[in-house]
Amino acid sequence: MRNRNFDEADDFDPDASELEPFEEAEEERFADSDIAQIYFREMGQKKLLSREEEVAIAKRIESARQAIFEQLTATAYMAYALVDAKYRLERRQVRISFVFRLPSRLKRPELERIRKQMIGELSKLEQALEKPDREPTAAALALVDLRVFKLSDDFIRECLDHYLEWEKWLCVSMREKEDAEKLKPSSDAHEAEETIREIERSLGAPRDRILAVGRDLRLLQHQWQRLKGEFAEHNLRLVVSIAKRYSFSRLEFLDLINVGNIGLMRAVEKYDYRHGFKFSTYATWWIRQAINRAIADQSRTIRVPVHMVEVLYRYYAVVQRFIEDQGRQPTNQEIARMLKLSVNKIEKIQGIVAQEPVSLDWQVDGEGSGILGASVADERAESPADKLMRRSRNEYIEALLRGLDRREQQVIRFRFGLNDESRPHSLEEIGAIFGLTRERIRQIEKRALGKLRLLIQERQP
């Protein structure tokens, strides 16, 4: 028996006959949309993959992914990135599933057990890197059991992007040094050389090696993205077939396809051909999850819980089928029998269907002296705009800090109150924490701020 670590839809496992191109009536529905016509025409040109073809392309995707990982471990960068991931896991800044590939639908206690286990594994790596006679990066990485839990695509993609930022910074510094030397020996050339050496120390490799790895990574990145896109393109009809079954929702059909395609890409990233099931069977669950969540979040003023969207889909489907067969509306008892639910449950479902939003401008009394919004407002609550701005600012700061090495990150966090204590520390206080002089902390801070300024400039359009 195959072990399934996901909640696939057993009642919907489409074969080729169910994934034929649109009929004329469906094409006419989108006749006014040139983009839609082009999309459906190109979609129809991609044939469905056989099981053997699915396995072949999945193996190529895995090979490209493994090649990227091996290139990232060619320098010390990946080792330090994993140590940084350990701190982020300890602070619960990221989920364990962001760093490691895990079976879907694990319960919270199991996820917590894995989180603690991997923090312990990564602590071994940190201890190995902190030894005076530091082991080679490959030997240090061998201390971490990455065979049990492989790194996730999200984490590898983040590491890939950050490494290429380091490489770009190295290229800029080398160009600045070359330009300064053309004029005359100056402090600018010396400062650029110091920056280059700092990058070499941070990545644990000479500049030529860093640049060579960067070139290889760019080629592998393109190959990895192309293969995943190719795999997804051959399954676009699967998304359309599933989206058609959610016509009851208030989302436009093309919007359903868009969010379904997002689920399809997640399925491509998480698919493991070794489990033995067809990709369409596996991807169906991810596509439906993406569509269900979009319907719950976007299509109604009153939000419907995600788990209820699937129930609503089944409700609409059996009612429509009954009307087509019998020519009348079914009773609650008949619906309950078809869905194998209680009549009370059916009445609750109908209550959700019938829900209509009430305007906050609705007059509470007949005299117009008060509105509903005034009676439910919470003046102490943070406004959505402020909350969004604060979260966006924090995410931006965290993204910038990940461009620094671990020591620089810690100094900046303490210096500006970005750590858990939220209190700025003086140079003397930080020096006492790290066992360094005030002047050494100032130098680290200056170097880190210089890196941050460069990172900010690179992110500006």
Protein backbone atom coordinates (compact mmCIF):
# COMPACT_ATOMS: atom_id res chain seq x y z
CA MET A 1 0.00 0.00 0.00
CA ARG A 2 1.33 3.42 -0.90
CA ASN A 3 2.03 5.79 1.92
CA ARG A 4 0.27 9.10 1.27
CA ASN A 5 1.35 12.09 3.28
CA PHE A 6 -1.29 14.39 1.87
CA ASP A 7 -5.06 14.63 1.76
CA GLU A 8 -5.58 13.96 -1.92
CA ALA A 9 -9.07 14.11 -3.37
CA ASP A 10 -9.91 10.45 -3.84
CA ASP A 11 -13.09 11.33 -5.72
CA PHE A 12 -11.22 13.32 -8.37
CA ASP A 13 -8.27 11.71 -10.10
CA PRO A 14 -8.54 13.01 -13.66
CA ASP A 15 -7.39 11.05 -16.64
CA ALA A 16 -6.76 12.30 -20.15
CA SER A 17 -10.42 12.15 -21.12
CA GLU A 18 -11.34 14.59 -18.35
CA LEU A 19 -8.62 17.03 -19.34
CA GLU A 20 -9.60 17.65 -22.95
CA PRO A 21 -9.49 21.24 -24.27
CA PHE A 22 -12.50 23.46 -23.71
CA GLU A 23 -15.72 22.91 -25.59
CA GLU A 24 -17.07 25.66 -27.85
CA ALA A 25 -19.55 26.90 -25.25
CA GLU A 26 -16.75 27.38 -22.75
CA GLU A 27 -14.57 29.13 -25.32
CA GLU A 28 -17.40 31.56 -26.10
CA ARG A 29 -17.59 32.40 -22.41
CA PHE A 30 -14.17 34.04 -22.71
CA ALA A 31 -14.54 35.37 -26.26
CA ASP A 32 -14.08 38.94 -25.05
CA SER A 33 -10.72 38.17 -23.44
CA ASP A 34 -7.79 38.01 -25.87
CA ILE A 35 -5.44 37.01 -23.06
CA ALA A 36 -7.71 34.12 -22.07
CA GLN A 37 -7.96 32.91 -25.67
CA ILE A 38 -4.17 32.91 -26.03
CA TYR A 39 -3.78 31.14 -22.68
CA PHE A 40 -6.24 28.35 -23.51
CA ARG A 41 -4.83 27.91 -27.02
CA GLU A 42 -1.26 27.53 -25.74
CA MET A 43 -2.44 25.32 -22.90
CA GLY A 44 -4.03 22.92 -25.39
CA GLN A 45 -0.72 22.51 -27.22
CA LYS A 46 0.92 20.89 -24.18
CA LYS A 47 0.26 17.16 -24.03
CA LEU A 48 -0.24 15.29 -20.79
CA LEU A 49 2.83 13.47 -19.51
CA SER A 50 2.93 9.72 -19.08
CA ARG A 51 4.04 8.25 -15.76
CA GLU A 52 7.49 7.56 -17.23
CA GLU A 53 7.81 11.13 -18.53
CA GLU A 54 6.74 12.52 -15.14
CA VAL A 55 9.45 10.52 -13.40
CA ALA A 56 12.06 11.58 -15.96
CA ILE A 57 11.43 15.31 -15.59
CA ALA A 58 11.10 15.00 -11.80
CA LYS A 59 14.54 13.38 -11.71
CA ARG A 60 16.00 16.22 -13.79
CA ILE A 61 14.49 18.78 -11.42
CA GLU A 62 15.97 16.92 -8.46
CA SER A 63 19.38 16.75 -10.14
CA ALA A 64 19.40 20.51 -10.77
CA ARG A 65 18.33 21.14 -7.18
CA GLN A 66 21.08 18.86 -5.83
CA ALA A 67 23.67 20.54 -8.05
CA ILE A 68 22.68 23.93 -6.60
CA PHE A 69 23.03 22.57 -3.06
CA GLU A 70 26.48 21.16 -3.84
CA GLN A 71 27.63 24.48 -5.29
CA LEU A 72 26.36 26.34 -2.22
CA THR A 73 28.38 24.00 0.01
CA ALA A 74 31.53 24.67 -2.02
CA THR A 75 32.10 27.69 0.22
CA ALA A 76 31.33 28.31 3.89
CA TYR A 77 28.14 30.18 2.99
CA MET A 78 25.71 27.25 3.39
CA ALA A 79 27.14 26.33 6.78
CA TYR A 80 26.58 29.87 8.08
CA ALA A 81 23.14 30.01 6.46
CA LEU A 82 22.12 26.87 8.36
CA VAL A 83 23.38 28.33 11.63
CA ASP A 84 21.35 31.46 10.91
CA ALA A 85 18.34 29.20 10.24
CA LYS A 86 18.87 27.68 13.68
CA TYR A 87 18.50 31.11 15.33
CA ARG A 88 15.42 31.89 13.24
CA LEU A 89 13.87 28.57 14.27
CA GLU A 90 14.65 29.25 17.92
CA ARG A 91 12.97 32.67 17.70
CA ARG A 92 10.11 31.12 15.67
CA GLN A 93 10.73 33.65 12.90
CA VAL A 94 10.24 30.90 10.31
CA ARG A 95 8.37 27.62 10.26
CA ILE A 96 10.29 24.36 10.28
CA SER A 97 8.70 23.57 6.88
CA PHE A 98 10.40 26.66 5.41
CA VAL A 99 13.83 25.19 6.13
CA PHE A 100 13.22 21.46 5.67
CA ARG A 101 11.05 19.36 3.38
CA LEU A 102 8.48 17.64 5.57
CA PRO A 103 5.48 15.40 4.90
CA SER A 104 2.29 17.40 4.51
CA ARG A 105 -0.36 17.61 7.23
CA LEU A 106 1.91 16.81 10.19
CA LYS A 107 0.31 17.50 13.56
CA ARG A 108 1.64 20.34 15.71
CA PRO A 109 3.29 18.08 18.36
CA GLU A 110 5.21 16.24 15.63
CA LEU A 111 6.30 19.52 14.03
CA GLU A 112 7.52 20.78 17.41
CA ARG A 113 9.48 17.56 17.97
CA ILE A 114 11.15 17.92 14.57
CA ARG A 115 11.89 21.60 15.21
CA LYS A 116 13.73 20.77 18.45
CA GLN A 117 15.54 17.86 16.80
CA MET A 118 16.82 20.00 13.93
CA ILE A 119 17.84 22.84 16.26
CA GLY A 120 19.97 20.24 18.05
CA GLU A 121 21.49 19.08 14.77
CA LEU A 122 22.27 22.63 13.69
CA SER A 123 23.83 23.36 17.10
CA LYS A 124 26.45 20.70 16.29
CA LEU A 125 27.27 22.59 13.12
CA GLU A 126 27.56 25.88 15.01
CA GLN A 127 29.93 24.33 17.56
CA ALA A 128 32.10 22.89 14.78
CA LEU A 129 32.36 26.29 13.09
CA GLU A 130 33.30 28.07 16.31
CA LYS A 131 36.33 25.86 17.00
CA PRO A 132 39.67 27.68 16.62
CA ASP A 133 40.87 24.93 14.28
CA ARG A 134 37.61 25.05 12.36
CA GLU A 135 36.84 21.96 10.34
CA PRO A 136 36.41 22.31 6.58
CA THR A 137 32.92 23.35 5.59
CA ALA A 138 32.08 20.01 4.00
CA ALA A 139 33.13 18.15 7.15
CA ALA A 140 31.12 20.54 9.31
CA LEU A 141 28.03 20.08 7.15
CA ALA A 142 28.43 16.31 7.45
CA LEU A 143 27.65 16.69 11.16
CA VAL A 144 24.11 17.68 10.22
CA ASP A 145 21.91 14.78 9.19
CA LEU A 146 20.37 16.24 6.04
CA ARG A 147 19.51 12.77 4.77
CA VAL A 148 16.54 12.47 7.11
CA PHE A 149 15.14 15.95 6.40
CA LYS A 150 16.19 17.50 3.11
CA LEU A 151 16.32 21.26 2.76
CA SER A 152 13.18 22.82 1.30
CA ASP A 153 13.06 24.49 -2.09
CA ASP A 154 12.12 27.75 -0.35
CA PHE A 155 15.26 27.69 1.80
CA ILE A 156 17.56 26.70 -1.07
CA ARG A 157 16.06 29.48 -3.19
CA GLU A 158 16.66 32.00 -0.38
CA CYS A 159 20.27 30.81 0.04
CA LEU A 160 20.81 30.98 -3.71
CA ASP A 161 19.54 34.57 -3.87
CA HIS A 162 21.66 35.65 -0.90
CA TYR A 163 24.83 34.02 -2.25
CA LEU A 164 24.36 35.80 -5.57
CA GLU A 165 24.00 39.07 -3.64
CA TRP A 166 27.36 38.38 -1.95
CA GLU A 167 28.90 37.61 -5.35
CA LYS A 168 27.46 40.83 -6.79
CA TRP A 169 28.89 42.78 -3.87
CA LEU A 170 32.28 41.17 -4.52
CA CYS A 171 32.12 42.15 -8.21
CA VAL A 172 31.25 45.75 -7.28
CA SER A 173 34.14 45.92 -4.78
CA MET A 174 36.62 44.46 -7.28
CA ARG A 175 35.51 46.98 -9.90
CA GLU A 176 35.84 49.84 -7.40
CA LYS A 177 39.35 48.69 -6.52
CA GLU A 178 40.32 48.45 -10.19
CA ASP A 179 38.97 51.94 -10.92
CA ALA A 180 40.76 53.42 -7.90
CA GLU A 181 44.08 51.82 -8.89
CA LYS A 182 43.84 53.28 -12.40
CA LEU A 183 43.90 56.78 -10.96
CA LYS A 184 46.58 56.40 -8.33
CA PRO A 185 47.21 54.40 -5.17
CA SER A 186 44.70 55.69 -2.71
CA SER A 187 42.78 54.86 0.42
CA ASP A 188 39.79 53.99 -1.79
CA ALA A 189 41.67 51.08 -3.34
CA HIS A 190 42.84 49.94 0.10
CA GLU A 191 39.29 50.14 1.47
CA ALA A 192 37.93 48.15 -1.49
CA GLU A 193 40.59 45.48 -0.92
CA GLU A 194 39.59 45.26 2.75
CA THR A 195 35.97 44.76 1.70
CA ILE A 196 37.01 41.99 -0.71
CA ARG A 197 39.00 40.23 2.01
CA GLU A 198 36.05 40.52 4.39
CA ILE A 199 33.82 38.82 1.81
CA GLU A 200 36.44 36.09 1.38
CA ARG A 201 36.52 35.54 5.15
CA SER A 202 32.73 35.51 5.39
CA LEU A 203 32.34 32.92 2.62
CA GLY A 204 35.45 30.94 3.50
CA ALA A 205 36.78 30.95 -0.06
CA PRO A 206 39.12 33.02 -2.28
CA ARG A 207 37.59 35.57 -4.64
CA ASP A 208 38.17 33.50 -7.77
CA ARG A 209 36.35 30.56 -6.22
CA ILE A 210 33.44 32.76 -5.11
CA LEU A 211 33.03 34.14 -8.63
CA ALA A 212 33.27 30.68 -10.23
CA VAL A 213 30.60 29.30 -7.91
CA GLY A 214 28.40 32.30 -8.68
CA ARG A 215 28.66 31.69 -12.44
CA ASP A 216 27.73 28.02 -12.01
CA LEU A 217 24.83 28.91 -9.72
CA ARG A 218 23.32 31.31 -12.24
CA LEU A 219 23.31 28.61 -14.92
CA LEU A 220 21.84 26.04 -12.53
CA GLN A 221 19.23 28.52 -11.31
CA HIS A 222 18.02 29.05 -14.88
CA GLN A 223 17.93 25.29 -15.53
CA TRP A 224 16.04 24.60 -12.27
CA GLN A 225 13.39 27.24 -12.98
CA ARG A 226 12.99 26.13 -16.60
CA LEU A 227 12.43 22.48 -15.66
CA LYS A 228 9.85 23.32 -12.99
CA GLY A 229 8.04 25.61 -15.42
CA GLU A 230 8.04 22.89 -18.08
CA PHE A 231 6.59 20.34 -15.63
CA ALA A 232 3.84 22.78 -14.62
CA GLU A 233 2.96 23.69 -18.23
CA HIS A 234 2.13 20.07 -19.01
CA ASN A 235 -0.42 20.07 -16.17
CA LEU A 236 -2.21 23.39 -16.73
CA ARG A 237 -5.31 21.57 -17.99
CA LEU A 238 -5.53 19.88 -14.60
CA VAL A 239 -5.92 23.31 -12.97
CA VAL A 240 -8.66 24.30 -15.42
CA SER A 241 -10.54 21.03 -14.84
CA ILE A 242 -10.51 21.58 -11.08
CA ALA A 243 -11.33 25.30 -11.31
CA LYS A 244 -14.45 24.51 -13.39
CA ARG A 245 -15.87 22.64 -10.41
CA TYR A 246 -15.85 25.83 -8.30
CA SER A 247 -18.14 27.87 -10.54
CA PHE A 248 -20.40 28.47 -7.51
CA SER A 249 -17.85 30.86 -5.99
CA ARG A 250 -17.88 34.62 -6.46
CA LEU A 251 -14.37 34.60 -7.88
CA GLU A 252 -13.92 35.06 -11.62
CA PHE A 253 -13.00 31.87 -13.46
CA LEU A 254 -9.62 33.24 -14.56
CA ASP A 255 -8.87 34.21 -10.95
CA LEU A 256 -9.60 30.61 -9.92
CA ILE A 257 -7.14 29.43 -12.57
CA ASN A 258 -4.48 31.88 -11.35
CA VAL A 259 -4.64 30.72 -7.73
CA GLY A 260 -4.87 27.11 -8.90
CA ASN A 261 -1.64 27.60 -10.83
CA ILE A 262 0.01 28.76 -7.60
CA GLY A 263 -1.05 25.49 -5.99
CA LEU A 264 0.28 23.62 -9.03
CA MET A 265 3.72 25.21 -8.62
CA ARG A 266 3.78 24.23 -4.94
CA ALA A 267 2.96 20.68 -5.99
CA VAL A 268 5.84 20.69 -8.49
CA GLU A 269 8.24 21.79 -5.74
CA LYS A 270 7.05 19.20 -3.22
CA TYR A 271 6.41 16.22 -5.52
CA ASP A 272 8.50 13.11 -4.82
CA TYR A 273 8.26 10.54 -7.61
CA ARG A 274 9.57 7.80 -5.28
CA HIS A 275 6.23 7.61 -3.46
CA GLY A 276 4.73 5.95 -6.51
CA PHE A 277 1.59 8.02 -7.15
CA LYS A 278 0.82 10.01 -10.28
CA PHE A 279 1.61 13.69 -10.24
CA SER A 280 -2.00 14.60 -11.09
CA THR A 281 -3.20 12.74 -7.99
CA TYR A 282 -0.71 14.60 -5.80
CA ALA A 283 -1.19 18.01 -7.43
CA THR A 284 -4.99 17.84 -7.15
CA TRP A 285 -4.82 18.33 -3.39
CA TRP A 286 -2.49 21.35 -3.63
CA ILE A 287 -4.56 22.98 -6.38
CA ARG A 288 -7.80 22.53 -4.46
CA GLN A 289 -6.18 23.85 -1.29
CA ALA A 290 -5.07 27.01 -3.09
CA ILE A 291 -8.51 27.55 -4.63
CA ASN A 292 -10.31 26.82 -1.35
CA ARG A 293 -8.16 29.33 0.50
CA ALA A 294 -8.67 31.99 -2.17
CA ILE A 295 -12.44 31.50 -2.07
CA ALA A 296 -12.44 31.72 1.73
CA ASP A 297 -10.26 34.84 1.78
CA GLN A 298 -11.43 36.83 -1.20
CA SER A 299 -14.84 35.93 -2.55
CA ARG A 300 -17.05 36.78 0.44
CA THR A 301 -17.37 39.85 2.64
CA ILE A 302 -17.98 37.49 5.57
CA ARG A 303 -15.05 35.10 5.59
CA VAL A 304 -15.86 31.39 5.38
CA PRO A 305 -13.44 28.99 7.12
CA VAL A 306 -11.24 27.14 4.64
CA HIS A 307 -12.52 23.71 5.70
CA MET A 308 -16.09 24.81 4.95
CA VAL A 309 -15.32 25.75 1.32
CA GLU A 310 -15.05 22.08 0.33
CA VAL A 311 -18.33 21.34 2.12
CA LEU A 312 -19.99 24.20 0.23
CA TYR A 313 -18.63 22.81 -3.04
CA ARG A 314 -20.16 19.40 -2.31
CA TYR A 315 -23.43 21.03 -1.25
CA TYR A 316 -23.77 23.02 -4.48
CA ALA A 317 -22.76 20.00 -6.58
CA VAL A 318 -25.39 17.61 -5.17
CA VAL A 319 -28.14 20.25 -5.26
CA GLN A 320 -27.38 21.08 -8.90
CA ARG A 321 -27.26 17.39 -9.84
CA PHE A 322 -30.59 16.73 -8.08
CA ILE A 323 -32.27 19.66 -9.87
CA GLU A 324 -31.03 18.39 -13.24
CA ASP A 325 -32.28 14.84 -12.53
CA GLN A 326 -35.56 15.56 -10.72
CA GLY A 327 -36.51 19.01 -11.99
CA ARG A 328 -37.10 20.42 -8.50
CA GLN A 329 -35.26 21.68 -5.42
CA PRO A 330 -34.27 18.89 -2.98
CA THR A 331 -35.49 18.95 0.60
CA ASN A 332 -33.04 19.24 3.49
CA GLN A 333 -33.60 15.56 4.27
CA GLU A 334 -32.70 14.57 0.71
CA ILE A 335 -29.58 16.76 0.74
CA ALA A 336 -28.53 15.30 4.10
CA ARG A 337 -28.94 11.77 2.74
CA MET A 338 -26.86 12.52 -0.38
CA LEU A 339 -24.07 14.20 1.60
CA LYS A 340 -24.28 11.73 4.50
CA LEU A 341 -24.65 14.60 6.95
CA SER A 342 -27.25 15.46 9.57
CA VAL A 343 -30.18 17.74 8.74
CA ASN A 344 -28.90 20.15 11.39
CA LYS A 345 -25.56 20.35 9.56
CA ILE A 346 -27.36 21.05 6.28
CA GLU A 347 -29.25 23.92 7.91
CA LYS A 348 -25.95 25.41 9.14
CA ILE A 349 -24.53 25.18 5.62
CA GLN A 350 -27.59 26.95 4.26
CA GLY A 351 -27.08 29.64 6.89
CA ILE A 352 -23.59 30.29 5.52
CA VAL A 353 -24.94 30.39 1.98
CA ALA A 354 -27.60 32.92 2.99
CA GLN A 355 -25.29 35.20 4.96
CA GLU A 356 -25.42 38.79 3.78
CA PRO A 357 -23.11 41.51 5.10
CA VAL A 358 -24.51 44.48 7.00
CA SER A 359 -22.99 47.88 6.29
CA LEU A 360 -21.20 49.58 9.17
CA ASP A 361 -23.05 52.73 8.05
CA TRP A 362 -26.39 51.08 8.84
CA GLN A 363 -28.50 53.33 11.11
CA VAL A 364 -28.86 51.81 14.56
CA ASP A 365 -32.08 53.78 15.22
CA GLY A 366 -34.65 55.49 13.09
CA GLU A 367 -33.47 58.99 13.98
CA GLY A 368 -30.08 58.67 12.30
CA SER A 369 -28.24 59.57 15.50
CA GLY A 370 -25.90 56.61 15.41
CA ILE A 371 -24.45 54.04 13.02
CA LEU A 372 -23.44 50.43 13.61
CA GLY A 373 -19.75 51.11 12.96
CA ALA A 374 -19.54 53.50 15.90
CA SER A 375 -20.74 50.81 18.29
CA VAL A 376 -18.22 48.14 17.22
CA ALA A 377 -15.08 50.22 16.67
CA ASP A 378 -12.07 49.48 18.88
CA GLU A 379 -10.06 52.67 19.24
CA ARG A 380 -7.18 50.78 20.86
CA ALA A 381 -6.76 48.40 17.94
CA GLU A 382 -3.95 48.98 15.48
CA SER A 383 -5.29 50.06 12.12
CA PRO A 384 -4.87 47.58 9.23
CA ALA A 385 -2.69 50.11 7.39
CA ASP A 386 -0.36 50.58 10.38
CA LYS A 387 -0.20 46.84 10.98
CA LEU A 388 0.62 46.16 7.34
CA MET A 389 3.26 48.90 7.32
CA ARG A 390 4.89 47.60 10.51
CA ARG A 391 4.96 44.02 9.25
CA SER A 392 6.32 45.12 5.86
CA ARG A 393 9.03 47.20 7.57
CA ASN A 394 10.07 44.29 9.81
CA GLU A 395 10.24 41.89 6.86
CA TYR A 396 12.35 44.39 4.92
CA ILE A 397 14.78 44.81 7.83
CA GLU A 398 15.08 41.03 8.30
CA ALA A 399 15.77 40.56 4.59
CA LEU A 400 18.55 43.17 4.74
CA LEU A 401 20.10 41.67 7.87
CA ARG A 402 20.36 38.28 6.20
CA GLY A 403 22.87 39.89 3.84
CA LEU A 404 25.31 40.24 6.78
CA ASP A 405 27.35 37.55 8.44
CA ARG A 406 26.18 36.24 11.82
CA ARG A 407 28.46 38.42 13.99
CA GLU A 408 27.44 41.57 12.11
CA GLN A 409 23.76 40.67 12.43
CA GLN A 410 24.08 40.26 16.18
CA VAL A 411 25.93 43.55 16.62
CA ILE A 412 23.34 45.48 14.59
CA ARG A 413 20.46 43.81 16.47
CA PHE A 414 21.92 44.78 19.84
CA ARG A 415 23.00 48.25 18.70
CA PHE A 416 19.57 49.28 17.40
CA GLY A 417 17.32 47.27 19.70
CA LEU A 418 16.21 44.75 17.08
CA ASN A 419 16.65 41.74 19.34
CA ASP A 420 14.12 40.29 21.77
CA GLU A 421 14.88 42.92 24.43
CA SER A 422 13.99 45.77 22.01
CA ARG A 423 16.50 48.06 23.77
CA PRO A 424 19.48 49.70 22.04
CA HIS A 425 22.82 48.74 23.60
CA SER A 426 25.95 50.84 23.90
CA LEU A 427 29.24 49.80 22.30
CA GLU A 428 30.58 48.90 25.75
CA GLU A 429 27.58 46.67 26.52
CA ILE A 430 27.90 44.83 23.22
CA GLY A 431 31.64 44.45 23.72
CA ALA A 432 31.01 42.85 27.12
CA ILE A 433 28.56 40.39 25.53
CA PHE A 434 31.02 39.27 22.85
CA GLY A 435 34.22 39.69 24.83
CA LEU A 436 35.53 42.33 22.42
CA THR A 437 36.76 45.88 22.82
CA ARG A 438 34.56 48.91 22.22
CA GLU A 439 36.66 49.85 19.20
CA ARG A 440 36.32 46.39 17.64
CA ILE A 441 32.53 46.54 18.01
CA ARG A 442 32.55 49.99 16.38
CA GLN A 443 34.51 48.58 13.42
CA ILE A 444 32.08 45.70 13.01
CA GLU A 445 29.15 48.13 13.19
CA LYS A 446 30.72 50.42 10.57
CA ARG A 447 31.38 47.52 8.21
CA ALA A 448 27.84 46.17 8.67
CA LEU A 449 26.26 49.57 8.02
CA GLY A 450 28.32 49.88 4.84
CA LYS A 451 27.00 46.54 3.64
CA LEU A 452 23.44 47.55 4.50
CA ARG A 453 23.75 50.79 2.53
CA LEU A 454 24.89 48.83 -0.51
CA LEU A 455 22.07 46.31 -0.12
CA ILE A 456 19.52 49.13 0.12
CA GLN A 457 20.90 50.77 -3.03
CA GLU A 458 20.66 47.47 -4.91
CA ARG A 459 17.02 47.05 -3.91
CA GLN A 460 16.02 50.51 -5.09
CA PRO A 461 14.39 50.57 -8.55
